[in-house]
Structures are given as C-alpha cells and as structure tokens.
C-alpha cells in the first residue's frame, strides 16, 4: 500500500493554481472531456446517478471516457446505499433477539452495510471533486480567460 496522499491530477493542480512544472509529467495523457454510456448491468437507480453525476462532471469539464470504471463504481455504490437505506427505513435499525437472559436488541446487518457503502461513496465523491470541501480546493475559470491587468490598461489607452 502506498504511503501518503494520493496524487492530484495535473488539471486539478492547474485549476487550483498549485501547478509546478518541475512536478509534472510532460507526457501525461490529456483525455477529451466526454461521458461514456453506463454498463448495461447497472441498476435503474445507478443509471439515474450516472446521468445526474455525469451531467455535473461534464459541466465542470472533469470527466472522460477513461473515468467509466470509476463512475460505474460510484453510481453502483450510491444505488446500493439507497437500497440499504430503504430496507432500514422499513425494518428499523435494530432487531429483537430472545435469549436466556430475556430480550436483546442487535443492530441489523444493513446498518454496518450502510456505513461501509457511505464510506466508499464518500471517497469516490471526493475523487471526482463532488463534495464542498474537495470542490473548494479547485478554482475553475471555465471558458473565461483571465485578462492580464497590464494588457487591459494598454487596451484602454488606445
């Protein structure tokens, strides 16, 4: 297992203003912004997440065909989390067990599953910059080019 933080993609470093040429790979592939189709086996709920999250990532210019596996994982985990939440809402968070000492209440297995799925989903959301904290580290200009203030002065003088 590698030590330390995972590497931040170059395009996120550039957007955040922390890009240092000495720490970049000049041959790093730069994929085109695009969103592929979800795998056929994804559940209907997961496909809804695919459309919703994919649309957001396309607007942010943060998704490519190379992200299909990660998007599949994220959408599948979110759909599973919703399914487990529905089960917990119907059956409750605990169940009653009769033992020699009387009634004992235990947490349903779905409660542990819910926590695990949420942990996995949270990590994936951060990877895509889809949480307020992870998004706050990126300053995207979008299609707007930042104009040099000195150039603006010279343009006004003409």
C-alpha atoms as a PDB file:
ATOM      1  CA  UNK A   1       0.000   0.000   0.000  1.00  0.00           C
ATOM      2  CA  UNK A   2       1.466   3.379  -0.992  1.00  0.00           C
ATOM      3  CA  UNK A   3       2.200   5.860   1.752  1.00  0.00           C
ATOM      4  CA  UNK A   4       0.948   9.434   1.855  1.00  0.00           C
ATOM      5  CA  UNK A   5      -1.791  11.200  -0.024  1.00  0.00           C
ATOM      6  CA  UNK A   6      -2.905  10.055  -3.453  1.00  0.00           C
ATOM      7  CA  UNK A   7      -1.571  12.146  -6.340  1.00  0.00           C
ATOM      8  CA  UNK A   8      -3.721  15.028  -7.505  1.00  0.00           C
ATOM      9  CA  UNK A   9      -4.378  15.100 -11.255  1.00  0.00           C
ATOM     10  CA  UNK A  10      -2.456  17.782 -13.155  1.00  0.00           C
ATOM     11  CA  UNK A  11      -5.601  19.520 -14.411  1.00  0.00           C
ATOM     12  CA  UNK A  12      -6.803  19.962 -10.819  1.00  0.00           C
ATOM     13  CA  UNK A  13      -3.416  21.390  -9.814  1.00  0.00           C
ATOM     14  CA  UNK A  14      -3.671  23.833 -12.707  1.00  0.00           C
ATOM     15  CA  UNK A  15      -7.179  24.904 -11.726  1.00  0.00           C
ATOM     16  CA  UNK A  16      -6.142  25.301  -8.091  1.00  0.00           C
ATOM     17  CA  UNK A  17      -3.112  27.395  -9.061  1.00  0.00           C
ATOM     18  CA  UNK A  18      -0.619  24.973  -7.483  1.00  0.00           C
ATOM     19  CA  UNK A  19       0.892  23.569 -10.685  1.00  0.00           C
ATOM     20  CA  UNK A  20       4.690  23.436 -10.694  1.00  0.00           C
ATOM     21  CA  UNK A  21       6.300  22.416 -13.996  1.00  0.00           C
ATOM     22  CA  UNK A  22       9.081  20.562 -12.175  1.00  0.00           C
ATOM     23  CA  UNK A  23       6.473  18.245 -10.613  1.00  0.00           C
ATOM     24  CA  UNK A  24       4.510  17.372 -13.732  1.00  0.00           C
ATOM     25  CA  UNK A  25       4.821  14.680 -16.357  1.00  0.00           C
ATOM     26  CA  UNK A  26       5.193  16.392 -19.752  1.00  0.00           C
ATOM     27  CA  UNK A  27       3.974  13.191 -21.445  1.00  0.00           C
ATOM     28  CA  UNK A  28       0.870  12.838 -19.277  1.00  0.00           C
ATOM     29  CA  UNK A  29      -2.117  11.907 -21.448  1.00  0.00           C
ATOM     30  CA  UNK A  30      -4.855  14.535 -21.582  1.00  0.00           C
ATOM     31  CA  UNK A  31      -8.181  12.841 -22.310  1.00  0.00           C
ATOM     32  CA  UNK A  32     -11.021  14.662 -24.018  1.00  0.00           C
ATOM     33  CA  UNK A  33     -13.962  15.694 -21.857  1.00  0.00           C
ATOM     34  CA  UNK A  34     -16.648  13.107 -22.522  1.00  0.00           C
ATOM     35  CA  UNK A  35     -19.000  10.748 -20.735  1.00  0.00           C
ATOM     36  CA  UNK A  36     -19.494   7.209 -21.981  1.00  0.00           C
ATOM     37  CA  UNK A  37     -22.597   5.081 -21.628  1.00  0.00           C
ATOM     38  CA  UNK A  38     -23.274   3.263 -18.360  1.00  0.00           C
ATOM     39  CA  UNK A  39     -22.800  -0.510 -18.385  1.00  0.00           C
ATOM     40  CA  UNK A  40     -25.974  -2.460 -19.167  1.00  0.00           C
ATOM     41  CA  UNK A  41     -25.839  -4.351 -15.863  1.00  0.00           C
ATOM     42  CA  UNK A  42     -26.159  -1.216 -13.709  1.00  0.00           C
ATOM     43  CA  UNK A  43     -29.451  -0.944 -11.858  1.00  0.00           C
ATOM     44  CA  UNK A  44     -32.010   1.694 -12.832  1.00  0.00           C
ATOM     45  CA  UNK A  45     -31.131   3.752  -9.745  1.00  0.00           C
ATOM     46  CA  UNK A  46     -27.408   3.590 -10.587  1.00  0.00           C
ATOM     47  CA  UNK A  47     -28.161   4.733 -14.148  1.00  0.00           C
ATOM     48  CA  UNK A  48     -30.072   7.711 -12.753  1.00  0.00           C
ATOM     49  CA  UNK A  49     -26.984   8.625 -10.724  1.00  0.00           C
ATOM     50  CA  UNK A  50     -24.889   8.163 -13.877  1.00  0.00           C
ATOM     51  CA  UNK A  51     -26.981  10.762 -15.707  1.00  0.00           C
ATOM     52  CA  UNK A  52     -27.086  13.181 -12.772  1.00  0.00           C
ATOM     53  CA  UNK A  53     -23.436  12.983 -11.728  1.00  0.00           C
ATOM     54  CA  UNK A  54     -22.206  12.667 -15.296  1.00  0.00           C
ATOM     55  CA  UNK A  55     -24.016  15.873 -16.244  1.00  0.00           C
ATOM     56  CA  UNK A  56     -22.418  17.721 -13.355  1.00  0.00           C
ATOM     57  CA  UNK A  57     -18.953  16.403 -14.209  1.00  0.00           C
ATOM     58  CA  UNK A  58     -19.391  17.339 -17.871  1.00  0.00           C
ATOM     59  CA  UNK A  59     -20.301  20.903 -16.870  1.00  0.00           C
ATOM     60  CA  UNK A  60     -17.182  21.012 -14.698  1.00  0.00           C
ATOM     61  CA  UNK A  61     -15.039  19.515 -17.516  1.00  0.00           C
ATOM     62  CA  UNK A  62     -13.898  16.796 -15.114  1.00  0.00           C
ATOM     63  CA  UNK A  63     -14.888  13.532 -16.804  1.00  0.00           C
ATOM     64  CA  UNK A  64     -13.540  11.483 -19.711  1.00  0.00           C
ATOM     65  CA  UNK A  65     -14.080   8.058 -21.238  1.00  0.00           C
ATOM     66  CA  UNK A  66     -11.222   6.864 -19.041  1.00  0.00           C
ATOM     67  CA  UNK A  67     -13.367   7.519 -15.975  1.00  0.00           C
ATOM     68  CA  UNK A  68     -16.009   4.941 -16.900  1.00  0.00           C
ATOM     69  CA  UNK A  69     -14.875   2.367 -14.323  1.00  0.00           C
ATOM     70  CA  UNK A  70     -14.733   4.942 -11.518  1.00  0.00           C
ATOM     71  CA  UNK A  71     -18.140   6.352 -12.495  1.00  0.00           C
ATOM     72  CA  UNK A  72     -19.567   2.824 -12.580  1.00  0.00           C
ATOM     73  CA  UNK A  73     -18.236   2.134  -9.094  1.00  0.00           C
ATOM     74  CA  UNK A  74     -19.549   5.435  -7.711  1.00  0.00           C
ATOM     75  CA  UNK A  75     -23.025   5.066  -9.202  1.00  0.00           C
ATOM     76  CA  UNK A  76     -23.320   1.407  -8.203  1.00  0.00           C
ATOM     77  CA  UNK A  77     -22.269   2.120  -4.611  1.00  0.00           C
ATOM     78  CA  UNK A  78     -24.717   5.042  -4.324  1.00  0.00           C
ATOM     79  CA  UNK A  79     -27.549   2.847  -5.658  1.00  0.00           C
ATOM     80  CA  UNK A  80     -26.678   0.093  -3.170  1.00  0.00           C
ATOM     81  CA  UNK A  81     -26.615   2.664  -0.352  1.00  0.00           C
ATOM     82  CA  UNK A  82     -30.118   3.840  -1.306  1.00  0.00           C
ATOM     83  CA  UNK A  83     -31.344   0.235  -1.352  1.00  0.00           C
ATOM     84  CA  UNK A  84     -29.935  -0.428   2.116  1.00  0.00           C
ATOM     85  CA  UNK A  85     -31.423   2.844   3.414  1.00  0.00           C
ATOM     86  CA  UNK A  86     -34.864   1.772   2.160  1.00  0.00           C
ATOM     87  CA  UNK A  87     -34.512  -1.567   3.971  1.00  0.00           C
ATOM     88  CA  UNK A  88     -33.506   0.184   7.200  1.00  0.00           C
ATOM     89  CA  UNK A  89     -36.436   2.587   6.875  1.00  0.00           C
ATOM     90  CA  UNK A  90     -38.835  -0.369   6.567  1.00  0.00           C
ATOM     91  CA  UNK A  91     -37.359  -2.722   9.165  1.00  0.00           C
ATOM     92  CA  UNK A  92     -35.652  -0.341  11.578  1.00  0.00           C
ATOM     93  CA  UNK A  93     -32.033  -0.135  12.700  1.00  0.00           C
ATOM     94  CA  UNK A  94     -32.299  -2.898  15.322  1.00  0.00           C
ATOM     95  CA  UNK A  95     -33.986  -6.258  15.734  1.00  0.00           C
ATOM     96  CA  UNK A  96     -35.092  -8.101  18.834  1.00  0.00           C
ATOM     97  CA  UNK A  97     -33.489 -11.371  19.848  1.00  0.00           C
ATOM     98  CA  UNK A  98     -34.712 -13.666  22.595  1.00  0.00           C
ATOM     99  CA  UNK A  99     -32.005 -15.204  24.743  1.00  0.00           C
ATOM    100  CA  UNK A 100     -31.797 -16.939  28.089  1.00  0.00           C
ATOM    101  CA  UNK A 101     -31.481 -13.582  29.792  1.00  0.00           C
ATOM    102  CA  UNK A 102     -34.516 -12.078  28.057  1.00  0.00           C
ATOM    103  CA  UNK A 103     -34.779  -9.679  25.145  1.00  0.00           C
ATOM    104  CA  UNK A 104     -31.630  -8.409  23.468  1.00  0.00           C
ATOM    105  CA  UNK A 105     -31.545  -5.752  20.757  1.00  0.00           C
ATOM    106  CA  UNK A 106     -28.970  -6.026  17.994  1.00  0.00           C
ATOM    107  CA  UNK A 107     -28.099  -3.755  15.102  1.00  0.00           C
ATOM    108  CA  UNK A 108     -29.323  -5.058  11.771  1.00  0.00           C
ATOM    109  CA  UNK A 109     -26.579  -6.150   9.349  1.00  0.00           C
ATOM    110  CA  UNK A 110     -27.834  -3.458   6.990  1.00  0.00           C
ATOM    111  CA  UNK A 111     -26.610  -0.789   9.434  1.00  0.00           C
ATOM    112  CA  UNK A 112     -22.988  -1.903   9.005  1.00  0.00           C
ATOM    113  CA  UNK A 113     -23.532  -2.223   5.247  1.00  0.00           C
ATOM    114  CA  UNK A 114     -24.912   1.329   5.153  1.00  0.00           C
ATOM    115  CA  UNK A 115     -21.835   2.713   6.914  1.00  0.00           C
ATOM    116  CA  UNK A 116     -19.446   0.830   4.618  1.00  0.00           C
ATOM    117  CA  UNK A 117     -21.266   1.903   1.459  1.00  0.00           C
ATOM    118  CA  UNK A 118     -21.351   5.522   2.598  1.00  0.00           C
ATOM    119  CA  UNK A 119     -17.612   5.450   3.350  1.00  0.00           C
ATOM    120  CA  UNK A 120     -16.908   4.061  -0.134  1.00  0.00           C
ATOM    121  CA  UNK A 121     -19.249   6.542  -1.834  1.00  0.00           C
ATOM    122  CA  UNK A 122     -17.730   9.470   0.076  1.00  0.00           C
ATOM    123  CA  UNK A 123     -14.239   8.570  -1.104  1.00  0.00           C
ATOM    124  CA  UNK A 124     -15.402   8.342  -4.696  1.00  0.00           C
ATOM    125  CA  UNK A 125     -17.256  11.673  -4.478  1.00  0.00           C
ATOM    126  CA  UNK A 126     -14.031  13.310  -3.255  1.00  0.00           C
ATOM    127  CA  UNK A 127     -12.087  11.727  -6.144  1.00  0.00           C
ATOM    128  CA  UNK A 128     -14.424  13.461  -8.596  1.00  0.00           C
ATOM    129  CA  UNK A 129     -14.422  16.781  -6.683  1.00  0.00           C
ATOM    130  CA  UNK A 130     -18.115  16.436  -5.823  1.00  0.00           C
ATOM    131  CA  UNK A 131     -18.079  17.441  -2.161  1.00  0.00           C
ATOM    132  CA  UNK A 132     -17.991  21.035  -0.896  1.00  0.00           C
ATOM    133  CA  UNK A 133     -14.589  20.503   0.756  1.00  0.00           C
ATOM    134  CA  UNK A 134     -12.969  18.882  -2.276  1.00  0.00           C
ATOM    135  CA  UNK A 135     -14.530  21.434  -4.647  1.00  0.00           C
ATOM    136  CA  UNK A 136     -13.288  24.339  -2.523  1.00  0.00           C
ATOM    137  CA  UNK A 137      -9.722  23.354  -3.404  1.00  0.00           C
ATOM    138  CA  UNK A 138     -10.352  23.998  -7.112  1.00  0.00           C
ATOM    139  CA  UNK A 139     -10.758  27.399  -8.764  1.00  0.00           C
ATOM    140  CA  UNK A 140     -12.140  26.825 -12.243  1.00  0.00           C
ATOM    141  CA  UNK A 141     -12.311  29.694 -14.718  1.00  0.00           C
ATOM    142  CA  UNK A 142     -14.403  27.720 -17.185  1.00  0.00           C
ATOM    143  CA  UNK A 143     -14.498  29.280 -20.658  1.00  0.00           C
ATOM    144  CA  UNK A 144     -13.496  32.732 -19.394  1.00  0.00           C
ATOM    145  CA  UNK A 145      -9.902  33.717 -19.986  1.00  0.00           C
ATOM    146  CA  UNK A 146      -8.373  35.795 -17.227  1.00  0.00           C
ATOM    147  CA  UNK A 147      -7.110  39.016 -18.792  1.00  0.00           C
ATOM    148  CA  UNK A 148      -3.766  40.452 -17.791  1.00  0.00           C
ATOM    149  CA  UNK A 149      -4.378  43.732 -15.890  1.00  0.00           C
ATOM    150  CA  UNK A 150      -1.471  45.422 -17.683  1.00  0.00           C
ATOM    151  CA  UNK A 151      -2.938  44.469 -21.078  1.00  0.00           C
ATOM    152  CA  UNK A 152      -6.263  45.947 -20.003  1.00  0.00           C
ATOM    153  CA  UNK A 153      -4.528  49.259 -19.229  1.00  0.00           C
ATOM    154  CA  UNK A 154      -2.860  49.343 -22.640  1.00  0.00           C
ATOM    155  CA  UNK A 155      -6.136  48.478 -24.380  1.00  0.00           C
ATOM    156  CA  UNK A 156      -7.870  51.392 -22.644  1.00  0.00           C
ATOM    157  CA  UNK A 157      -5.082  53.777 -23.659  1.00  0.00           C
ATOM    158  CA  UNK A 158      -5.598  53.057 -27.387  1.00  0.00           C
END
